[in-house]
């Protein structure tokens, strides 16, 4: 977890890049470190509440996530929607697993690849 304690051990002006999980960061601690300059740059490919923000056009709606809105105010922060699943290989694997599970379900066979 990147929180106040972890940030305190970082060099001043550090660049933090998170492409893992949004919950890895204590976002409020990150914001304070950005304001103080302890974190010099932030790159996010994930955000804990990203489902409410990305993946459909919300350009005509008011942004209701105040924490995300605050992150957007920093000129040294870049945020992109997480796209790791959106590769040809990943989509083929998802389709293959789905078809396999449907076939197994129809044939009263145990499902080998459960998610959740």
N, C-alpha and C. Protein backbone atom coordinates (compact mmCIF):
# COMPACT_ATOMS: atom_id res chain seq x y z
N UNK A 1 0.84 -1.18 0.00
CA UNK A 1 0.00 0.00 0.00
C UNK A 1 0.89 1.24 0.00
N UNK A 2 0.61 2.14 -0.90
CA UNK A 2 1.34 3.42 -0.92
C UNK A 2 0.50 4.43 -0.16
N UNK A 3 0.93 4.67 1.09
CA UNK A 3 0.24 5.56 2.00
C UNK A 3 1.23 6.58 2.56
N UNK A 4 0.83 7.30 3.58
CA UNK A 4 1.71 8.32 4.16
C UNK A 4 3.08 7.76 4.55
N UNK A 5 3.08 6.60 5.19
CA UNK A 5 4.34 6.01 5.66
C UNK A 5 5.25 5.65 4.48
N UNK A 6 4.70 5.06 3.45
CA UNK A 6 5.50 4.69 2.28
C UNK A 6 6.00 5.94 1.56
N UNK A 7 5.15 6.94 1.44
CA UNK A 7 5.53 8.18 0.76
C UNK A 7 6.65 8.88 1.52
N UNK A 8 6.62 8.84 2.83
CA UNK A 8 7.65 9.49 3.65
C UNK A 8 9.04 8.91 3.37
N UNK A 9 9.10 7.65 2.97
CA UNK A 9 10.38 6.99 2.68
C UNK A 9 10.87 7.25 1.25
N UNK A 10 10.06 7.88 0.43
CA UNK A 10 10.44 8.15 -0.96
C UNK A 10 11.30 9.40 -1.08
N UNK A 11 12.05 9.46 -2.17
CA UNK A 11 12.83 10.67 -2.46
C UNK A 11 11.89 11.79 -2.85
N UNK A 12 12.28 13.02 -2.57
CA UNK A 12 11.49 14.17 -2.99
C UNK A 12 11.41 14.22 -4.51
N UNK A 13 10.22 14.52 -5.02
CA UNK A 13 10.03 14.65 -6.46
C UNK A 13 9.88 13.32 -7.19
N UNK A 14 9.67 12.25 -6.44
CA UNK A 14 9.56 10.92 -7.02
C UNK A 14 8.43 10.84 -8.06
N UNK A 15 8.60 9.95 -9.03
CA UNK A 15 7.54 9.67 -10.01
C UNK A 15 6.87 8.36 -9.60
N UNK A 16 5.56 8.40 -9.41
CA UNK A 16 4.79 7.21 -9.05
C UNK A 16 3.94 6.82 -10.25
N UNK A 17 4.09 5.56 -10.67
CA UNK A 17 3.30 5.01 -11.77
C UNK A 17 2.55 3.79 -11.23
N UNK A 18 1.25 3.77 -11.40
CA UNK A 18 0.46 2.61 -10.96
C UNK A 18 -0.31 2.05 -12.14
N UNK A 19 0.06 0.84 -12.53
CA UNK A 19 -0.68 0.10 -13.56
C UNK A 19 -1.22 -1.20 -12.98
N UNK A 20 -1.19 -1.31 -11.67
CA UNK A 20 -1.56 -2.54 -10.99
C UNK A 20 -3.03 -2.55 -10.58
N UNK A 21 -3.31 -1.98 -9.43
CA UNK A 21 -4.67 -1.89 -8.90
C UNK A 21 -4.86 -0.51 -8.29
N UNK A 22 -6.04 0.03 -8.46
CA UNK A 22 -6.31 1.35 -7.91
C UNK A 22 -6.20 1.38 -6.41
N UNK A 23 -6.61 0.30 -5.75
CA UNK A 23 -6.60 0.25 -4.29
C UNK A 23 -5.20 0.18 -3.70
N UNK A 24 -4.19 0.04 -4.55
CA UNK A 24 -2.81 0.03 -4.08
C UNK A 24 -2.40 1.38 -3.50
N UNK A 25 -3.06 2.44 -3.95
CA UNK A 25 -2.74 3.80 -3.52
C UNK A 25 -3.76 4.33 -2.52
N UNK A 26 -3.27 5.00 -1.50
CA UNK A 26 -4.13 5.81 -0.65
C UNK A 26 -4.21 7.16 -1.36
N UNK A 27 -5.25 7.35 -2.12
CA UNK A 27 -5.33 8.50 -3.02
C UNK A 27 -5.26 9.83 -2.28
N UNK A 28 -5.85 9.92 -1.11
CA UNK A 28 -5.78 11.18 -0.36
C UNK A 28 -4.34 11.48 0.07
N UNK A 29 -3.58 10.45 0.44
CA UNK A 29 -2.16 10.64 0.76
C UNK A 29 -1.39 11.07 -0.47
N UNK A 30 -1.73 10.49 -1.62
CA UNK A 30 -1.07 10.84 -2.88
C UNK A 30 -1.32 12.31 -3.20
N UNK A 31 -2.55 12.76 -3.01
CA UNK A 31 -2.89 14.16 -3.29
C UNK A 31 -2.09 15.10 -2.40
N UNK A 32 -1.98 14.79 -1.13
CA UNK A 32 -1.20 15.63 -0.22
C UNK A 32 0.27 15.66 -0.64
N UNK A 33 0.79 14.52 -1.07
CA UNK A 33 2.19 14.45 -1.50
C UNK A 33 2.40 15.20 -2.81
N UNK A 34 1.41 15.22 -3.67
CA UNK A 34 1.49 16.02 -4.90
C UNK A 34 1.50 17.51 -4.56
N UNK A 35 0.64 17.90 -3.64
CA UNK A 35 0.56 19.31 -3.24
C UNK A 35 1.86 19.81 -2.63
N UNK A 36 2.53 18.95 -1.87
CA UNK A 36 3.77 19.35 -1.20
C UNK A 36 5.00 19.22 -2.10
N UNK A 37 4.85 18.52 -3.22
CA UNK A 37 5.99 18.29 -4.10
C UNK A 37 6.77 17.02 -3.79
N UNK A 38 6.38 16.32 -2.73
CA UNK A 38 7.04 15.05 -2.41
C UNK A 38 6.92 14.09 -3.59
N UNK A 39 5.72 14.03 -4.17
CA UNK A 39 5.53 13.30 -5.43
C UNK A 39 5.57 14.33 -6.54
N UNK A 40 6.53 14.17 -7.43
CA UNK A 40 6.71 15.13 -8.51
C UNK A 40 5.84 14.83 -9.72
N UNK A 41 5.54 13.55 -9.92
CA UNK A 41 4.75 13.13 -11.09
C UNK A 41 3.94 11.90 -10.70
N UNK A 42 2.76 11.81 -11.28
CA UNK A 42 1.90 10.65 -11.02
C UNK A 42 1.30 10.19 -12.34
N UNK A 43 1.42 8.90 -12.60
CA UNK A 43 0.79 8.28 -13.76
C UNK A 43 -0.09 7.14 -13.31
N UNK A 44 -1.34 7.18 -13.68
CA UNK A 44 -2.29 6.13 -13.29
C UNK A 44 -2.94 5.51 -14.51
N UNK A 45 -2.87 4.20 -14.57
CA UNK A 45 -3.60 3.43 -15.58
C UNK A 45 -4.80 2.75 -14.91
N UNK A 46 -4.89 2.92 -13.60
CA UNK A 46 -5.99 2.34 -12.83
C UNK A 46 -6.43 3.36 -11.79
N UNK A 47 -7.68 3.28 -11.42
CA UNK A 47 -8.22 4.13 -10.36
C UNK A 47 -9.27 3.29 -9.65
N UNK A 48 -9.28 3.34 -8.34
CA UNK A 48 -10.12 2.42 -7.57
C UNK A 48 -11.60 2.49 -7.98
N UNK A 49 -12.08 3.64 -8.32
CA UNK A 49 -13.49 3.79 -8.69
C UNK A 49 -13.65 3.98 -10.20
N UNK A 50 -12.78 3.37 -10.99
CA UNK A 50 -12.76 3.64 -12.43
C UNK A 50 -14.02 3.20 -13.16
N UNK A 51 -14.71 2.19 -12.65
CA UNK A 51 -15.92 1.73 -13.33
C UNK A 51 -16.97 2.82 -13.44
N UNK A 52 -16.95 3.74 -12.48
CA UNK A 52 -17.92 4.83 -12.47
C UNK A 52 -17.50 5.99 -13.38
N UNK A 53 -16.27 5.93 -13.90
CA UNK A 53 -15.74 7.06 -14.66
C UNK A 53 -15.44 6.68 -16.10
N UNK A 54 -14.77 5.55 -16.29
CA UNK A 54 -14.35 5.12 -17.62
C UNK A 54 -15.35 4.15 -18.22
N UNK A 55 -15.08 3.75 -19.45
CA UNK A 55 -15.77 2.68 -20.16
C UNK A 55 -17.11 3.06 -20.77
N UNK A 56 -17.55 4.27 -20.61
CA UNK A 56 -18.68 4.78 -21.38
C UNK A 56 -18.57 6.29 -21.43
N UNK A 57 -19.19 6.87 -22.43
CA UNK A 57 -19.08 8.32 -22.63
C UNK A 57 -19.88 9.05 -21.56
N UNK A 58 -19.18 9.77 -20.71
CA UNK A 58 -19.81 10.57 -19.66
C UNK A 58 -19.48 12.05 -19.84
N UNK A 59 -19.09 12.40 -21.05
CA UNK A 59 -18.62 13.77 -21.30
C UNK A 59 -19.69 14.83 -21.04
N UNK A 60 -20.95 14.47 -21.11
CA UNK A 60 -22.02 15.42 -20.86
C UNK A 60 -22.51 15.42 -19.42
N UNK A 61 -21.86 14.65 -18.56
CA UNK A 61 -22.29 14.52 -17.17
C UNK A 61 -21.33 15.25 -16.23
N UNK A 62 -21.82 15.60 -15.09
CA UNK A 62 -20.99 16.22 -14.06
C UNK A 62 -20.17 15.13 -13.39
N UNK A 63 -18.88 15.39 -13.21
CA UNK A 63 -18.00 14.45 -12.53
C UNK A 63 -18.30 14.50 -11.03
N UNK A 64 -18.81 13.41 -10.49
CA UNK A 64 -19.22 13.41 -9.09
C UNK A 64 -18.14 12.88 -8.14
N UNK A 65 -17.05 12.37 -8.67
CA UNK A 65 -15.96 11.86 -7.84
C UNK A 65 -14.99 13.00 -7.55
N UNK A 66 -15.10 13.58 -6.34
CA UNK A 66 -14.28 14.74 -5.98
C UNK A 66 -12.79 14.42 -5.91
N UNK A 67 -12.45 13.21 -5.49
CA UNK A 67 -11.04 12.83 -5.40
C UNK A 67 -10.44 12.75 -6.81
N UNK A 68 -11.15 12.12 -7.72
CA UNK A 68 -10.68 12.02 -9.10
C UNK A 68 -10.58 13.42 -9.72
N UNK A 69 -11.60 14.24 -9.47
CA UNK A 69 -11.59 15.61 -9.99
C UNK A 69 -10.37 16.37 -9.49
N UNK A 70 -10.02 16.18 -8.23
CA UNK A 70 -8.83 16.87 -7.68
C UNK A 70 -7.57 16.40 -8.38
N UNK A 71 -7.45 15.10 -8.62
CA UNK A 71 -6.27 14.58 -9.33
C UNK A 71 -6.12 15.22 -10.70
N UNK A 72 -7.25 15.48 -11.36
CA UNK A 72 -7.21 16.06 -12.70
C UNK A 72 -6.71 17.51 -12.71
N UNK A 73 -6.68 18.15 -11.55
CA UNK A 73 -6.23 19.54 -11.51
C UNK A 73 -4.72 19.69 -11.54
N UNK A 74 -3.99 18.61 -11.32
CA UNK A 74 -2.54 18.69 -11.29
C UNK A 74 -1.97 18.57 -12.70
N UNK A 75 -1.09 19.49 -13.10
CA UNK A 75 -0.48 19.41 -14.43
C UNK A 75 0.55 18.29 -14.55
N UNK A 76 0.98 17.73 -13.43
CA UNK A 76 1.99 16.68 -13.41
C UNK A 76 1.38 15.29 -13.17
N UNK A 77 0.07 15.16 -13.46
CA UNK A 77 -0.65 13.89 -13.30
C UNK A 77 -1.26 13.51 -14.63
N UNK A 78 -1.09 12.25 -15.01
CA UNK A 78 -1.76 11.72 -16.19
C UNK A 78 -2.52 10.47 -15.78
N UNK A 79 -3.76 10.39 -16.23
CA UNK A 79 -4.63 9.26 -15.89
C UNK A 79 -5.23 8.73 -17.19
N UNK A 80 -5.09 7.43 -17.38
CA UNK A 80 -5.69 6.77 -18.54
C UNK A 80 -6.59 5.65 -18.05
N UNK A 81 -7.60 5.32 -18.81
CA UNK A 81 -8.47 4.18 -18.48
C UNK A 81 -7.70 2.89 -18.63
N UNK A 82 -7.86 1.99 -17.69
CA UNK A 82 -7.14 0.72 -17.68
C UNK A 82 -7.56 -0.13 -18.89
N UNK A 83 -6.59 -0.51 -19.70
CA UNK A 83 -6.89 -1.24 -20.92
C UNK A 83 -6.15 -2.57 -21.01
N UNK A 84 -5.61 -3.07 -19.91
CA UNK A 84 -4.79 -4.29 -19.95
C UNK A 84 -5.55 -5.46 -20.55
N UNK A 85 -6.84 -5.54 -20.34
CA UNK A 85 -7.61 -6.66 -20.86
C UNK A 85 -7.87 -6.53 -22.36
N UNK A 86 -7.62 -5.38 -22.92
CA UNK A 86 -8.07 -5.10 -24.29
C UNK A 86 -6.97 -5.40 -25.32
N UNK A 87 -6.44 -6.61 -25.25
CA UNK A 87 -5.49 -7.08 -26.26
C UNK A 87 -6.12 -8.23 -27.01
N UNK A 88 -5.60 -8.51 -28.16
CA UNK A 88 -6.15 -9.62 -28.96
C UNK A 88 -6.07 -10.93 -28.17
N UNK A 89 -4.92 -11.18 -27.56
CA UNK A 89 -4.73 -12.41 -26.80
C UNK A 89 -5.71 -12.51 -25.63
N UNK A 90 -5.86 -11.40 -24.89
CA UNK A 90 -6.77 -11.42 -23.74
C UNK A 90 -8.21 -11.64 -24.17
N UNK A 91 -8.63 -10.99 -25.24
CA UNK A 91 -10.01 -11.16 -25.71
C UNK A 91 -10.25 -12.58 -26.22
N UNK A 92 -9.26 -13.17 -26.91
CA UNK A 92 -9.39 -14.56 -27.37
C UNK A 92 -9.48 -15.51 -26.17
N UNK A 93 -8.68 -15.26 -25.14
CA UNK A 93 -8.74 -16.09 -23.93
C UNK A 93 -10.08 -15.97 -23.23
N UNK A 94 -10.61 -14.76 -23.15
CA UNK A 94 -11.92 -14.54 -22.53
C UNK A 94 -13.00 -15.28 -23.32
N UNK A 95 -12.97 -15.15 -24.63
CA UNK A 95 -13.96 -15.83 -25.47
C UNK A 95 -13.84 -17.35 -25.33
N UNK A 96 -12.63 -17.86 -25.35
CA UNK A 96 -12.41 -19.30 -25.24
C UNK A 96 -12.91 -19.82 -23.89
N UNK A 97 -12.60 -19.11 -22.81
CA UNK A 97 -13.04 -19.53 -21.48
C UNK A 97 -14.56 -19.50 -21.39
N UNK A 98 -15.17 -18.49 -21.97
CA UNK A 98 -16.63 -18.37 -21.93
C UNK A 98 -17.29 -19.52 -22.67
N UNK A 99 -16.81 -19.82 -23.86
CA UNK A 99 -17.36 -20.92 -24.65
C UNK A 99 -17.16 -22.25 -23.93
N UNK A 100 -15.96 -22.46 -23.37
CA UNK A 100 -15.68 -23.69 -22.63
C UNK A 100 -16.62 -23.83 -21.44
N UNK A 101 -16.84 -22.76 -20.68
CA UNK A 101 -17.73 -22.82 -19.52
C UNK A 101 -19.18 -23.08 -19.93
N UNK A 102 -19.63 -22.46 -21.02
CA UNK A 102 -20.99 -22.69 -21.50
C UNK A 102 -21.16 -24.15 -21.90
N UNK A 103 -20.19 -24.69 -22.64
CA UNK A 103 -20.24 -26.09 -23.08
C UNK A 103 -20.26 -27.03 -21.88
N UNK A 104 -19.41 -26.78 -20.91
CA UNK A 104 -19.37 -27.61 -19.71
C UNK A 104 -20.69 -27.53 -18.94
N UNK A 105 -21.24 -26.33 -18.83
CA UNK A 105 -22.51 -26.15 -18.13
C UNK A 105 -23.62 -26.94 -18.82
N UNK A 106 -23.69 -26.83 -20.15
CA UNK A 106 -24.72 -27.54 -20.91
C UNK A 106 -24.58 -29.06 -20.79
N UNK A 107 -23.37 -29.55 -20.60
CA UNK A 107 -23.11 -30.99 -20.50
C UNK A 107 -23.03 -31.47 -19.05
N UNK A 108 -23.48 -30.63 -18.11
CA UNK A 108 -23.46 -30.97 -16.68
C UNK A 108 -22.07 -31.39 -16.20
N UNK A 109 -21.06 -30.72 -16.72
CA UNK A 109 -19.68 -30.96 -16.29
C UNK A 109 -19.26 -29.86 -15.35
N UNK A 110 -18.31 -30.17 -14.47
CA UNK A 110 -17.85 -29.10 -13.56
C UNK A 110 -17.14 -27.99 -14.33
N UNK A 111 -17.35 -26.76 -13.88
CA UNK A 111 -16.69 -25.63 -14.48
C UNK A 111 -15.30 -25.50 -13.87
N UNK A 112 -14.28 -25.51 -14.71
CA UNK A 112 -12.91 -25.48 -14.22
C UNK A 112 -12.39 -24.07 -14.02
N UNK A 113 -12.94 -23.12 -14.71
CA UNK A 113 -12.40 -21.76 -14.69
C UNK A 113 -13.44 -20.80 -14.18
N UNK A 114 -13.60 -20.77 -12.88
CA UNK A 114 -14.56 -19.86 -12.26
C UNK A 114 -13.87 -18.58 -11.85
N UNK A 115 -14.57 -17.49 -11.96
CA UNK A 115 -14.06 -16.18 -11.54
C UNK A 115 -14.93 -15.70 -10.40
N UNK A 116 -14.28 -15.18 -9.36
CA UNK A 116 -15.05 -14.60 -8.29
C UNK A 116 -14.84 -15.16 -6.98
